């Protein structure tokens, strides 16, 4: 495949939502919150884990081009404080497996450097598009809309009881993210991005609050 001619597939949020929900529905291990995404990848999907110093390339994980496993940065993998970020990175790579299998399966490389060189040669707009799709899938896979909606409603009610409504929407959102991110096993930043960009925010009970 000539990377200069790479064309990302079109996938809407709705299509990505359906894909994430279908995959979760097929595996019992992916239906319990927080989802053990690493166990799911290794034991349900049979993916192999390899380790390489890829953090210096500003990456925590790479899906192998042959679709048989994931390369992880060993340091990030072992650092407890980075586990939420690592889990999201793993889900992001699984998105490429599920959404972009035809793309990844069409290229053959034996080393990480060769694979990165290929990725870097893809037109920026096309690369950004598949990365957006992967992030969207990861967020909806780890923080499913139905479960998130229920949890968010409870957190908003708690925020109101504790007086955060007087501080505006952003303080309520921050309160909810602090309350929920551990439950879903993601970082506060990932939780905030997922809520803010979803149809769940602003929650009806806070929609009229000041920013």
C-alpha atoms as a PDB file:
ATOM      1  CA  UNK A   1       0.000   0.000   0.000  1.00  0.00           C
ATOM      2  CA  UNK A   2       1.302   3.417  -0.981  1.00  0.00           C
ATOM      3  CA  UNK A   3       0.918   5.553   2.176  1.00  0.00           C
ATOM      4  CA  UNK A   4       0.571   8.736   0.112  1.00  0.00           C
ATOM      5  CA  UNK A   5      -2.634   7.300  -1.379  1.00  0.00           C
ATOM      6  CA  UNK A   6      -4.024   6.143   1.951  1.00  0.00           C
ATOM      7  CA  UNK A   7      -7.732   6.867   2.374  1.00  0.00           C
ATOM      8  CA  UNK A   8      -9.472   6.502   5.709  1.00  0.00           C
ATOM      9  CA  UNK A   9     -12.907   4.886   5.769  1.00  0.00           C
ATOM     10  CA  UNK A  10     -15.891   7.017   6.716  1.00  0.00           C
ATOM     11  CA  UNK A  11     -17.386   6.059  10.077  1.00  0.00           C
ATOM     12  CA  UNK A  12     -19.881   8.180  11.973  1.00  0.00           C
ATOM     13  CA  UNK A  13     -20.213   8.356  15.761  1.00  0.00           C
ATOM     14  CA  UNK A  14     -23.375   6.300  15.478  1.00  0.00           C
ATOM     15  CA  UNK A  15     -21.629   3.545  13.510  1.00  0.00           C
ATOM     16  CA  UNK A  16     -18.760   3.471  15.997  1.00  0.00           C
ATOM     17  CA  UNK A  17     -21.246   3.302  18.882  1.00  0.00           C
ATOM     18  CA  UNK A  18     -22.956   0.302  17.275  1.00  0.00           C
ATOM     19  CA  UNK A  19     -19.636  -1.435  16.672  1.00  0.00           C
ATOM     20  CA  UNK A  20     -18.454  -0.963  20.264  1.00  0.00           C
ATOM     21  CA  UNK A  21     -21.799  -2.168  21.646  1.00  0.00           C
ATOM     22  CA  UNK A  22     -21.854  -5.232  19.394  1.00  0.00           C
ATOM     23  CA  UNK A  23     -18.363  -6.280  20.420  1.00  0.00           C
ATOM     24  CA  UNK A  24     -19.132  -5.840  24.114  1.00  0.00           C
ATOM     25  CA  UNK A  25     -22.280  -7.895  23.626  1.00  0.00           C
ATOM     26  CA  UNK A  26     -20.299 -10.802  22.199  1.00  0.00           C
ATOM     27  CA  UNK A  27     -17.960 -11.206  25.184  1.00  0.00           C
ATOM     28  CA  UNK A  28     -18.998 -11.535  28.830  1.00  0.00           C
ATOM     29  CA  UNK A  29     -15.612 -10.234  29.951  1.00  0.00           C
ATOM     30  CA  UNK A  30     -16.348  -6.949  28.172  1.00  0.00           C
ATOM     31  CA  UNK A  31     -19.660  -6.409  29.928  1.00  0.00           C
ATOM     32  CA  UNK A  32     -18.381  -5.830  33.450  1.00  0.00           C
ATOM     33  CA  UNK A  33     -17.414  -2.272  34.428  1.00  0.00           C
ATOM     34  CA  UNK A  34     -14.536  -1.479  34.580  1.00  0.00           C
ATOM     35  CA  UNK A  35     -13.737  -3.519  31.509  1.00  0.00           C
ATOM     36  CA  UNK A  36     -10.523  -5.512  31.820  1.00  0.00           C
ATOM     37  CA  UNK A  37      -9.381  -4.445  28.375  1.00  0.00           C
ATOM     38  CA  UNK A  38      -5.940  -6.047  28.679  1.00  0.00           C
ATOM     39  CA  UNK A  39      -7.397  -9.384  29.746  1.00  0.00           C
ATOM     40  CA  UNK A  40      -9.981  -9.102  26.982  1.00  0.00           C
ATOM     41  CA  UNK A  41      -7.264  -8.487  24.391  1.00  0.00           C
ATOM     42  CA  UNK A  42      -5.027 -11.295  25.603  1.00  0.00           C
ATOM     43  CA  UNK A  43      -7.449 -14.046  26.534  1.00  0.00           C
ATOM     44  CA  UNK A  44     -10.609 -13.434  24.518  1.00  0.00           C
ATOM     45  CA  UNK A  45      -8.978 -12.137  21.351  1.00  0.00           C
ATOM     46  CA  UNK A  46      -5.765 -14.159  21.660  1.00  0.00           C
ATOM     47  CA  UNK A  47      -3.481 -11.198  21.022  1.00  0.00           C
ATOM     48  CA  UNK A  48       0.181 -11.443  22.021  1.00  0.00           C
ATOM     49  CA  UNK A  49       1.854  -8.681  24.007  1.00  0.00           C
ATOM     50  CA  UNK A  50       5.359  -7.503  23.107  1.00  0.00           C
ATOM     51  CA  UNK A  51       7.372  -4.731  24.710  1.00  0.00           C
ATOM     52  CA  UNK A  52       9.578  -2.058  23.188  1.00  0.00           C
ATOM     53  CA  UNK A  53      10.783   1.450  24.180  1.00  0.00           C
ATOM     54  CA  UNK A  54       8.087   3.224  22.161  1.00  0.00           C
ATOM     55  CA  UNK A  55       7.247   5.832  24.798  1.00  0.00           C
ATOM     56  CA  UNK A  56      10.121   7.918  23.425  1.00  0.00           C
ATOM     57  CA  UNK A  57       8.072   8.023  20.218  1.00  0.00           C
ATOM     58  CA  UNK A  58       5.158   9.441  22.235  1.00  0.00           C
ATOM     59  CA  UNK A  59       3.265   6.174  21.998  1.00  0.00           C
ATOM     60  CA  UNK A  60       2.118   3.764  24.695  1.00  0.00           C
ATOM     61  CA  UNK A  61       0.986   1.011  22.336  1.00  0.00           C
ATOM     62  CA  UNK A  62       0.904  -0.088  18.694  1.00  0.00           C
ATOM     63  CA  UNK A  63      -1.245  -2.733  17.065  1.00  0.00           C
ATOM     64  CA  UNK A  64       0.934  -5.084  15.054  1.00  0.00           C
ATOM     65  CA  UNK A  65       0.357  -4.674  11.324  1.00  0.00           C
ATOM     66  CA  UNK A  66      -0.252  -8.438  11.069  1.00  0.00           C
ATOM     67  CA  UNK A  67      -3.060  -8.117  13.664  1.00  0.00           C
ATOM     68  CA  UNK A  68      -1.590 -10.796  15.936  1.00  0.00           C
ATOM     69  CA  UNK A  69      -0.696  -8.632  18.929  1.00  0.00           C
ATOM     70  CA  UNK A  70       0.078  -5.273  20.476  1.00  0.00           C
ATOM     71  CA  UNK A  71       3.426  -3.628  21.148  1.00  0.00           C
ATOM     72  CA  UNK A  72       3.474  -1.883  24.532  1.00  0.00           C
ATOM     73  CA  UNK A  73       6.007   0.408  26.091  1.00  0.00           C
ATOM     74  CA  UNK A  74       7.390  -1.656  28.971  1.00  0.00           C
ATOM     75  CA  UNK A  75       7.836   1.275  31.339  1.00  0.00           C
ATOM     76  CA  UNK A  76       4.287   2.538  30.881  1.00  0.00           C
ATOM     77  CA  UNK A  77       2.902  -0.995  31.157  1.00  0.00           C
ATOM     78  CA  UNK A  78       4.488  -1.510  34.576  1.00  0.00           C
ATOM     79  CA  UNK A  79       3.833   1.937  36.088  1.00  0.00           C
ATOM     80  CA  UNK A  80       0.702   1.746  38.306  1.00  0.00           C
ATOM     81  CA  UNK A  81      -0.101   5.452  38.016  1.00  0.00           C
ATOM     82  CA  UNK A  82      -0.247   5.157  34.220  1.00  0.00           C
ATOM     83  CA  UNK A  83      -2.642   2.194  34.087  1.00  0.00           C
ATOM     84  CA  UNK A  84      -5.750   4.263  33.218  1.00  0.00           C
ATOM     85  CA  UNK A  85      -3.916   5.812  30.282  1.00  0.00           C
ATOM     86  CA  UNK A  86      -2.551   2.432  29.234  1.00  0.00           C
ATOM     87  CA  UNK A  87      -6.016   0.883  29.285  1.00  0.00           C
ATOM     88  CA  UNK A  88      -7.313   3.626  26.989  1.00  0.00           C
ATOM     89  CA  UNK A  89      -4.315   3.143  24.690  1.00  0.00           C
ATOM     90  CA  UNK A  90      -5.045  -0.593  24.527  1.00  0.00           C
ATOM     91  CA  UNK A  91      -8.699   0.084  23.692  1.00  0.00           C
ATOM     92  CA  UNK A  92      -7.538   2.543  21.024  1.00  0.00           C
ATOM     93  CA  UNK A  93      -5.418  -0.171  19.407  1.00  0.00           C
ATOM     94  CA  UNK A  94      -8.318  -2.618  19.567  1.00  0.00           C
ATOM     95  CA  UNK A  95     -10.338  -0.021  17.682  1.00  0.00           C
ATOM     96  CA  UNK A  96      -7.869  -0.274  14.833  1.00  0.00           C
ATOM     97  CA  UNK A  97      -8.278  -4.055  14.931  1.00  0.00           C
ATOM     98  CA  UNK A  98     -12.062  -3.880  14.750  1.00  0.00           C
ATOM     99  CA  UNK A  99     -12.552  -0.790  12.590  1.00  0.00           C
ATOM    100  CA  UNK A 100      -9.464  -0.768  10.381  1.00  0.00           C
ATOM    101  CA  UNK A 101      -8.627  -4.441   9.911  1.00  0.00           C
ATOM    102  CA  UNK A 102      -8.544  -4.120   6.130  1.00  0.00           C
ATOM    103  CA  UNK A 103      -6.057  -1.261   6.352  1.00  0.00           C
ATOM    104  CA  UNK A 104      -3.726  -2.891   8.856  1.00  0.00           C
ATOM    105  CA  UNK A 105      -3.918  -6.283   7.194  1.00  0.00           C
ATOM    106  CA  UNK A 106      -2.829  -4.804   3.868  1.00  0.00           C
ATOM    107  CA  UNK A 107       0.591  -3.656   5.085  1.00  0.00           C
ATOM    108  CA  UNK A 108       3.493  -5.909   6.057  1.00  0.00           C
ATOM    109  CA  UNK A 109       6.329  -4.721   8.284  1.00  0.00           C
ATOM    110  CA  UNK A 110       8.734  -6.526  10.538  1.00  0.00           C
ATOM    111  CA  UNK A 111       9.830  -3.706  12.819  1.00  0.00           C
ATOM    112  CA  UNK A 112       8.228  -0.882  14.753  1.00  0.00           C
ATOM    113  CA  UNK A 113      10.422   1.675  12.971  1.00  0.00           C
ATOM    114  CA  UNK A 114       9.181   0.534   9.565  1.00  0.00           C
ATOM    115  CA  UNK A 115       5.591   0.706  10.748  1.00  0.00           C
ATOM    116  CA  UNK A 116       6.052   4.200  12.194  1.00  0.00           C
ATOM    117  CA  UNK A 117       7.667   5.364   8.962  1.00  0.00           C
ATOM    118  CA  UNK A 118       4.600   4.143   7.083  1.00  0.00           C
ATOM    119  CA  UNK A 119       2.227   5.893   9.485  1.00  0.00           C
ATOM    120  CA  UNK A 120       4.215   9.124   9.224  1.00  0.00           C
ATOM    121  CA  UNK A 121       3.909   9.016   5.433  1.00  0.00           C
ATOM    122  CA  UNK A 122       0.102   8.898   5.512  1.00  0.00           C
ATOM    123  CA  UNK A 123      -1.579  12.245   4.680  1.00  0.00           C
ATOM    124  CA  UNK A 124      -2.157  14.087   7.950  1.00  0.00           C
ATOM    125  CA  UNK A 125      -5.891  14.546   7.423  1.00  0.00           C
ATOM    126  CA  UNK A 126      -6.392  10.832   6.758  1.00  0.00           C
ATOM    127  CA  UNK A 127      -4.268   9.791   9.732  1.00  0.00           C
ATOM    128  CA  UNK A 128      -6.128  12.178  12.034  1.00  0.00           C
ATOM    129  CA  UNK A 129      -9.404  10.724  10.826  1.00  0.00           C
ATOM    130  CA  UNK A 130      -8.568   7.119  11.726  1.00  0.00           C
ATOM    131  CA  UNK A 131      -7.106   8.257  15.053  1.00  0.00           C
ATOM    132  CA  UNK A 132     -10.327  10.125  15.843  1.00  0.00           C
ATOM    133  CA  UNK A 133     -12.287   6.992  15.038  1.00  0.00           C
ATOM    134  CA  UNK A 134     -10.058   4.907  17.316  1.00  0.00           C
ATOM    135  CA  UNK A 135     -10.368   7.387  20.191  1.00  0.00           C
ATOM    136  CA  UNK A 136     -14.135   7.509  19.737  1.00  0.00           C
ATOM    137  CA  UNK A 137     -14.338   3.707  19.816  1.00  0.00           C
ATOM    138  CA  UNK A 138     -12.091   3.456  22.882  1.00  0.00           C
ATOM    139  CA  UNK A 139     -14.211   5.956  24.792  1.00  0.00           C
ATOM    140  CA  UNK A 140     -17.470   4.233  23.917  1.00  0.00           C
ATOM    141  CA  UNK A 141     -16.030   0.777  24.595  1.00  0.00           C
ATOM    142  CA  UNK A 142     -14.598   1.583  28.044  1.00  0.00           C
ATOM    143  CA  UNK A 143     -17.381   4.027  28.991  1.00  0.00           C
ATOM    144  CA  UNK A 144     -20.519   2.593  27.349  1.00  0.00           C
ATOM    145  CA  UNK A 145     -23.276   5.127  26.825  1.00  0.00           C
ATOM    146  CA  UNK A 146     -25.983   3.301  28.780  1.00  0.00           C
ATOM    147  CA  UNK A 147     -23.812   2.693  31.843  1.00  0.00           C
ATOM    148  CA  UNK A 148     -22.286   6.158  31.644  1.00  0.00           C
ATOM    149  CA  UNK A 149     -25.701   7.808  31.425  1.00  0.00           C
ATOM    150  CA  UNK A 150     -26.857   6.081  34.611  1.00  0.00           C
ATOM    151  CA  UNK A 151     -23.647   6.850  36.494  1.00  0.00           C
ATOM    152  CA  UNK A 152     -23.613  10.468  35.316  1.00  0.00           C
ATOM    153  CA  UNK A 153     -27.181  11.041  36.500  1.00  0.00           C
ATOM    154  CA  UNK A 154     -26.211   9.781  39.947  1.00  0.00           C
ATOM    155  CA  UNK A 155     -23.099  11.952  40.028  1.00  0.00           C
ATOM    156  CA  UNK A 156     -25.066  15.033  38.982  1.00  0.00           C
ATOM    157  CA  UNK A 157     -27.549  14.381  41.787  1.00  0.00           C
ATOM    158  CA  UNK A 158     -24.650  14.092  44.237  1.00  0.00           C
ATOM    159  CA  UNK A 159     -23.173  17.343  42.924  1.00  0.00           C
ATOM    160  CA  UNK A 160     -26.466  19.127  43.504  1.00  0.00           C
ATOM    161  CA  UNK A 161     -26.788  17.784  47.044  1.00  0.00           C
ATOM    162  CA  UNK A 162     -23.246  18.880  47.857  1.00  0.00           C
ATOM    163  CA  UNK A 163     -23.771  22.434  46.602  1.00  0.00           C
ATOM    164  CA  UNK A 164     -21.760  22.347  43.367  1.00  0.00           C
ATOM    165  CA  UNK A 165     -24.655  23.679  41.297  1.00  0.00           C
ATOM    166  CA  UNK A 166     -23.941  27.131  42.699  1.00  0.00           C
ATOM    167  CA  UNK A 167     -20.488  27.010  41.081  1.00  0.00           C
ATOM    168  CA  UNK A 168     -21.634  26.446  37.495  1.00  0.00           C
ATOM    169  CA  UNK A 169     -21.528  23.765  34.801  1.00  0.00           C
ATOM    170  CA  UNK A 170     -17.760  23.351  34.694  1.00  0.00           C
ATOM    171  CA  UNK A 171     -17.483  22.683  38.419  1.00  0.00           C
ATOM    172  CA  UNK A 172     -20.308  20.174  38.205  1.00  0.00           C
ATOM    173  CA  UNK A 173     -18.588  18.452  35.291  1.00  0.00           C
ATOM    174  CA  UNK A 174     -15.295  18.351  37.184  1.00  0.00           C
ATOM    175  CA  UNK A 175     -17.074  16.880  40.215  1.00  0.00           C
ATOM    176  CA  UNK A 176     -18.663  14.181  38.048  1.00  0.00           C
ATOM    177  CA  UNK A 177     -15.376  13.285  36.372  1.00  0.00           C
ATOM    178  CA  UNK A 178     -13.630  12.955  39.726  1.00  0.00           C
ATOM    179  CA  UNK A 179     -16.471  10.766  40.968  1.00  0.00           C
ATOM    180  CA  UNK A 180     -16.710   8.496  37.919  1.00  0.00           C
ATOM    181  CA  UNK A 181     -13.284   8.006  36.343  1.00  0.00           C
ATOM    182  CA  UNK A 182     -12.168   5.357  38.838  1.00  0.00           C
ATOM    183  CA  UNK A 183     -15.400   3.405  38.419  1.00  0.00           C
ATOM    184  CA  UNK A 184     -14.742   3.077  34.688  1.00  0.00           C
ATOM    185  CA  UNK A 185     -10.985   2.636  35.085  1.00  0.00           C
ATOM    186  CA  UNK A 186     -10.018   5.637  32.969  1.00  0.00           C
ATOM    187  CA  UNK A 187      -8.230   8.916  33.600  1.00  0.00           C
ATOM    188  CA  UNK A 188     -10.131  12.048  34.602  1.00  0.00           C
ATOM    189  CA  UNK A 189      -9.149  13.609  31.296  1.00  0.00           C
ATOM    190  CA  UNK A 190     -10.566  10.666  29.321  1.00  0.00           C
ATOM    191  CA  UNK A 191     -13.770  10.801  31.349  1.00  0.00           C
ATOM    192  CA  UNK A 192     -14.129  14.542  30.793  1.00  0.00           C
ATOM    193  CA  UNK A 193     -13.570  14.206  27.046  1.00  0.00           C
ATOM    194  CA  UNK A 194     -16.070  11.358  26.808  1.00  0.00           C
ATOM    195  CA  UNK A 195     -18.792  13.237  28.703  1.00  0.00           C
ATOM    196  CA  UNK A 196     -18.191  16.657  27.166  1.00  0.00           C
ATOM    197  CA  UNK A 197     -18.314  15.374  23.588  1.00  0.00           C
ATOM    198  CA  UNK A 198     -21.276  13.069  24.138  1.00  0.00           C
ATOM    199  CA  UNK A 199     -24.992  13.598  23.831  1.00  0.00           C
ATOM    200  CA  UNK A 200     -25.149  13.245  27.625  1.00  0.00           C
ATOM    201  CA  UNK A 201     -23.752  16.730  28.302  1.00  0.00           C
ATOM    202  CA  UNK A 202     -24.895  19.114  29.428  1.00  0.00           C
ATOM    203  CA  UNK A 203     -27.083  16.942  31.629  1.00  0.00           C
ATOM    204  CA  UNK A 204     -30.681  18.281  31.636  1.00  0.00           C
ATOM    205  CA  UNK A 205     -30.394  19.173  35.319  1.00  0.00           C
ATOM    206  CA  UNK A 206     -27.403  21.445  34.713  1.00  0.00           C
ATOM    207  CA  UNK A 207     -28.208  22.775  31.251  1.00  0.00           C
ATOM    208  CA  UNK A 208     -29.429  26.142  32.573  1.00  0.00           C
ATOM    209  CA  UNK A 209     -26.539  26.696  34.950  1.00  0.00           C
ATOM    210  CA  UNK A 210     -23.900  29.327  34.272  1.00  0.00           C
ATOM    211  CA  UNK A 211     -20.656  28.159  32.689  1.00  0.00           C
END
